[in-house]
Amino acid sequence: MAATRAGQATGLESGAVWGDPLFTAPGQGGTCSWSPASGTGPQPCPQAYTLQPGSPATGAGTAVSGNGGTDYYGTTIAGTPNIGADAG
């Protein structure tokens, strides 16, 4: 998920997280007709890729300064973020 095993074996990865990210409906995103502020529709529906409770990606990210304060979904990122677009 966050790294390749080859990268970890060569010492290029630290703190790797492995496991099923527990997306809500992977592969079921379809196409949405909404237009996010950064682009125009149709766009892939990202709701299929939010994290379910118990995901190993929850709270396993790294805080980045100057990140804009919100994740892909517009959720405020407070404290330690999740890994991926569903960081809030």
N, C-alpha and C. Protein backbone atom coordinates (compact mmCIF):
# COMPACT_ATOMS: atom_id res chain seq x y z
N MET A 1 0.83 -1.18 0.00
CA MET A 1 0.00 0.00 0.00
C MET A 1 0.88 1.24 0.00
N ALA A 2 1.74 1.42 1.00
CA ALA A 2 2.53 2.63 1.07
C ALA A 2 3.93 2.45 0.48
N ALA A 3 4.33 1.24 0.22
CA ALA A 3 5.68 1.00 -0.26
C ALA A 3 5.75 -0.35 -0.94
N THR A 4 6.84 -0.57 -1.64
CA THR A 4 7.06 -1.89 -2.21
C THR A 4 7.94 -2.68 -1.27
N ARG A 5 7.80 -3.98 -1.28
CA ARG A 5 8.65 -4.81 -0.43
C ARG A 5 10.10 -4.67 -0.85
N ALA A 6 10.38 -4.49 -2.15
CA ALA A 6 11.75 -4.31 -2.62
C ALA A 6 12.35 -3.05 -2.02
N GLY A 7 11.56 -1.96 -1.97
CA GLY A 7 12.05 -0.73 -1.37
C GLY A 7 12.35 -0.91 0.10
N GLN A 8 11.51 -1.66 0.80
CA GLN A 8 11.74 -1.90 2.21
C GLN A 8 12.98 -2.76 2.41
N ALA A 9 13.18 -3.76 1.57
CA ALA A 9 14.32 -4.65 1.69
C ALA A 9 15.64 -3.91 1.47
N THR A 10 15.64 -2.89 0.64
CA THR A 10 16.87 -2.14 0.37
C THR A 10 17.06 -0.97 1.31
N GLY A 11 16.17 -0.81 2.28
CA GLY A 11 16.31 0.24 3.26
C GLY A 11 15.79 1.60 2.79
N LEU A 12 15.05 1.63 1.70
CA LEU A 12 14.53 2.88 1.18
C LEU A 12 13.19 3.27 1.78
N GLU A 13 12.58 2.38 2.53
CA GLU A 13 11.27 2.64 3.11
C GLU A 13 11.34 2.41 4.61
N SER A 14 10.77 3.33 5.37
CA SER A 14 10.68 3.13 6.81
C SER A 14 9.25 3.37 7.24
N GLY A 15 8.78 2.66 8.20
CA GLY A 15 7.42 2.82 8.70
C GLY A 15 6.35 2.40 7.71
N ALA A 16 6.65 1.43 6.86
CA ALA A 16 5.68 0.99 5.85
C ALA A 16 4.44 0.40 6.51
N VAL A 17 3.30 0.56 5.84
CA VAL A 17 2.04 0.01 6.31
C VAL A 17 1.57 -0.98 5.27
N TRP A 18 1.29 -2.21 5.70
CA TRP A 18 0.87 -3.27 4.78
C TRP A 18 -0.52 -3.74 5.16
N GLY A 19 -1.29 -4.11 4.18
CA GLY A 19 -2.60 -4.69 4.45
C GLY A 19 -3.67 -4.12 3.54
N ASP A 20 -4.83 -4.69 3.64
CA ASP A 20 -5.98 -4.25 2.88
C ASP A 20 -6.39 -2.87 3.39
N PRO A 21 -6.43 -1.83 2.52
CA PRO A 21 -6.78 -0.50 3.01
C PRO A 21 -8.25 -0.36 3.41
N LEU A 22 -9.05 -1.38 3.14
CA LEU A 22 -10.47 -1.37 3.48
C LEU A 22 -11.21 -0.19 2.86
N PHE A 23 -11.09 -0.03 1.54
CA PHE A 23 -11.87 0.97 0.84
C PHE A 23 -13.35 0.58 0.92
N THR A 24 -14.23 1.56 0.87
CA THR A 24 -15.65 1.28 1.00
C THR A 24 -16.20 0.43 -0.14
N ALA A 25 -15.77 0.66 -1.37
CA ALA A 25 -16.27 -0.11 -2.52
C ALA A 25 -15.28 -0.05 -3.68
N PRO A 26 -14.07 -0.61 -3.50
CA PRO A 26 -13.05 -0.50 -4.55
C PRO A 26 -13.53 -1.05 -5.89
N GLY A 27 -13.24 -0.30 -6.95
CA GLY A 27 -13.64 -0.70 -8.29
C GLY A 27 -15.07 -0.38 -8.63
N GLN A 28 -15.81 0.19 -7.69
CA GLN A 28 -17.23 0.47 -7.89
C GLN A 28 -17.51 1.97 -8.01
N GLY A 29 -16.48 2.75 -8.31
CA GLY A 29 -16.64 4.20 -8.34
C GLY A 29 -17.54 4.73 -9.42
N GLY A 30 -17.58 4.06 -10.57
CA GLY A 30 -18.42 4.56 -11.66
C GLY A 30 -18.01 5.95 -12.08
N THR A 31 -18.94 6.72 -12.61
CA THR A 31 -18.67 8.09 -13.04
C THR A 31 -19.68 9.03 -12.41
N CYS A 32 -19.18 10.10 -11.84
CA CYS A 32 -20.03 11.12 -11.22
C CYS A 32 -20.21 12.27 -12.20
N SER A 33 -21.24 13.03 -12.02
CA SER A 33 -21.47 14.17 -12.89
C SER A 33 -21.10 15.49 -12.23
N TRP A 34 -20.66 15.47 -10.97
CA TRP A 34 -20.31 16.70 -10.28
C TRP A 34 -18.99 17.23 -10.80
N SER A 35 -18.75 18.51 -10.57
CA SER A 35 -17.53 19.18 -11.03
C SER A 35 -16.78 19.74 -9.83
N PRO A 36 -15.71 19.05 -9.36
CA PRO A 36 -14.94 19.59 -8.23
C PRO A 36 -14.27 20.90 -8.63
N ALA A 37 -13.88 21.68 -7.65
CA ALA A 37 -13.28 22.99 -7.91
C ALA A 37 -12.02 22.88 -8.77
N SER A 38 -11.32 21.76 -8.70
CA SER A 38 -10.05 21.63 -9.42
C SER A 38 -10.22 21.05 -10.83
N GLY A 39 -11.42 20.79 -11.28
CA GLY A 39 -11.61 20.20 -12.60
C GLY A 39 -13.06 20.28 -13.03
N THR A 40 -13.41 19.56 -14.07
CA THR A 40 -14.78 19.54 -14.54
C THR A 40 -15.25 18.10 -14.64
N GLY A 41 -16.58 17.89 -14.60
CA GLY A 41 -17.14 16.56 -14.69
C GLY A 41 -17.17 16.07 -16.12
N PRO A 42 -17.49 14.82 -16.39
CA PRO A 42 -17.66 13.83 -15.33
C PRO A 42 -16.31 13.37 -14.77
N GLN A 43 -16.33 12.97 -13.55
CA GLN A 43 -15.13 12.49 -12.85
C GLN A 43 -15.42 11.12 -12.25
N PRO A 44 -14.36 10.32 -12.02
CA PRO A 44 -14.59 9.07 -11.30
C PRO A 44 -15.17 9.38 -9.92
N CYS A 45 -16.10 8.59 -9.45
CA CYS A 45 -16.70 8.82 -8.13
C CYS A 45 -15.73 8.35 -7.04
N PRO A 46 -15.17 9.28 -6.31
CA PRO A 46 -14.17 8.91 -5.31
C PRO A 46 -14.75 8.32 -4.03
N GLN A 47 -16.07 8.39 -3.83
CA GLN A 47 -16.65 7.89 -2.59
C GLN A 47 -16.38 6.40 -2.40
N ALA A 48 -16.13 5.67 -3.47
CA ALA A 48 -15.84 4.24 -3.36
C ALA A 48 -14.48 3.99 -2.70
N TYR A 49 -13.68 5.04 -2.59
CA TYR A 49 -12.33 4.88 -2.06
C TYR A 49 -12.10 5.59 -0.73
N THR A 50 -13.17 5.85 0.00
CA THR A 50 -13.00 6.32 1.37
C THR A 50 -12.66 5.11 2.22
N LEU A 51 -12.14 5.34 3.41
CA LEU A 51 -11.69 4.24 4.27
C LEU A 51 -12.79 3.78 5.23
N GLN A 52 -12.89 2.48 5.39
CA GLN A 52 -13.80 1.91 6.37
C GLN A 52 -13.13 1.93 7.75
N PRO A 53 -13.91 1.89 8.82
CA PRO A 53 -13.32 1.78 10.15
C PRO A 53 -12.42 0.55 10.23
N GLY A 54 -11.30 0.70 10.88
CA GLY A 54 -10.36 -0.41 11.04
C GLY A 54 -9.30 -0.49 9.95
N SER A 55 -9.34 0.43 8.99
CA SER A 55 -8.34 0.43 7.91
C SER A 55 -6.96 0.67 8.50
N PRO A 56 -5.93 -0.09 8.03
CA PRO A 56 -4.57 0.16 8.52
C PRO A 56 -4.04 1.52 8.06
N ALA A 57 -4.70 2.16 7.09
CA ALA A 57 -4.28 3.48 6.60
C ALA A 57 -4.78 4.61 7.50
N THR A 58 -5.71 4.32 8.40
CA THR A 58 -6.28 5.34 9.28
C THR A 58 -5.24 5.79 10.30
N GLY A 59 -4.95 7.09 10.30
CA GLY A 59 -4.01 7.65 11.26
C GLY A 59 -2.57 7.21 11.06
N ALA A 60 -2.25 6.66 9.88
CA ALA A 60 -0.90 6.13 9.64
C ALA A 60 -0.09 7.01 8.69
N GLY A 61 -0.61 8.19 8.33
CA GLY A 61 0.10 9.08 7.42
C GLY A 61 1.09 9.96 8.14
N THR A 62 1.68 10.86 7.40
CA THR A 62 2.64 11.82 7.92
C THR A 62 2.11 13.23 7.67
N ALA A 63 2.12 14.04 8.71
CA ALA A 63 1.67 15.42 8.57
C ALA A 63 2.62 16.17 7.64
N VAL A 64 2.05 16.97 6.74
CA VAL A 64 2.83 17.77 5.80
C VAL A 64 2.44 19.23 5.98
N SER A 65 3.41 20.07 6.24
CA SER A 65 3.09 21.49 6.41
C SER A 65 2.72 22.10 5.06
N GLY A 66 1.84 23.08 5.08
CA GLY A 66 1.43 23.76 3.87
C GLY A 66 0.59 22.90 2.93
N ASN A 67 -0.12 21.92 3.49
CA ASN A 67 -0.91 20.99 2.66
C ASN A 67 -2.28 21.51 2.28
N GLY A 68 -2.61 22.70 2.69
CA GLY A 68 -3.93 23.27 2.36
C GLY A 68 -4.98 23.00 3.42
N GLY A 69 -4.70 22.09 4.35
CA GLY A 69 -5.60 21.86 5.48
C GLY A 69 -6.77 20.94 5.25
N THR A 70 -7.00 20.51 4.00
CA THR A 70 -8.10 19.59 3.74
C THR A 70 -7.63 18.46 2.83
N ASP A 71 -8.37 17.34 2.87
CA ASP A 71 -8.04 16.22 1.99
C ASP A 71 -8.80 16.34 0.68
N TYR A 72 -8.73 15.33 -0.17
CA TYR A 72 -9.38 15.33 -1.48
C TYR A 72 -10.89 15.57 -1.36
N TYR A 73 -11.49 15.08 -0.30
CA TYR A 73 -12.93 15.18 -0.10
C TYR A 73 -13.36 16.48 0.57
N GLY A 74 -12.40 17.34 0.90
CA GLY A 74 -12.71 18.60 1.55
C GLY A 74 -12.79 18.51 3.06
N THR A 75 -12.43 17.36 3.63
CA THR A 75 -12.46 17.17 5.07
C THR A 75 -11.21 17.79 5.70
N THR A 76 -11.38 18.50 6.79
CA THR A 76 -10.24 19.11 7.48
C THR A 76 -9.30 18.03 8.00
N ILE A 77 -8.02 18.23 7.78
CA ILE A 77 -7.00 17.30 8.27
C ILE A 77 -6.53 17.84 9.62
N ALA A 78 -6.84 17.11 10.67
CA ALA A 78 -6.44 17.51 12.02
C ALA A 78 -5.60 16.40 12.63
N GLY A 79 -4.46 16.74 13.15
CA GLY A 79 -3.60 15.72 13.76
C GLY A 79 -2.93 14.85 12.72
N THR A 80 -2.69 13.61 13.06
CA THR A 80 -2.03 12.67 12.16
C THR A 80 -3.01 12.24 11.07
N PRO A 81 -2.68 12.48 9.80
CA PRO A 81 -3.61 12.16 8.71
C PRO A 81 -3.64 10.66 8.40
N ASN A 82 -4.65 10.27 7.66
CA ASN A 82 -4.71 8.92 7.11
C ASN A 82 -3.79 8.88 5.89
N ILE A 83 -3.45 7.71 5.42
CA ILE A 83 -2.70 7.56 4.19
C ILE A 83 -3.70 7.63 3.04
N GLY A 84 -3.39 8.41 2.02
CA GLY A 84 -4.23 8.47 0.82
C GLY A 84 -5.08 9.72 0.75
N ALA A 85 -5.98 9.74 -0.20
CA ALA A 85 -6.82 10.91 -0.45
C ALA A 85 -7.81 11.18 0.67
N ASP A 86 -8.20 10.13 1.41
CA ASP A 86 -9.14 10.25 2.53
C ASP A 86 -8.33 10.51 3.80
N ALA A 87 -7.64 11.67 3.84
CA ALA A 87 -6.70 11.95 4.92
C ALA A 87 -7.33 12.51 6.18
N GLY A 88 -8.55 13.03 6.08
CA GLY A 88 -9.18 13.71 7.21
C GLY A 88 -9.80 12.87 8.18
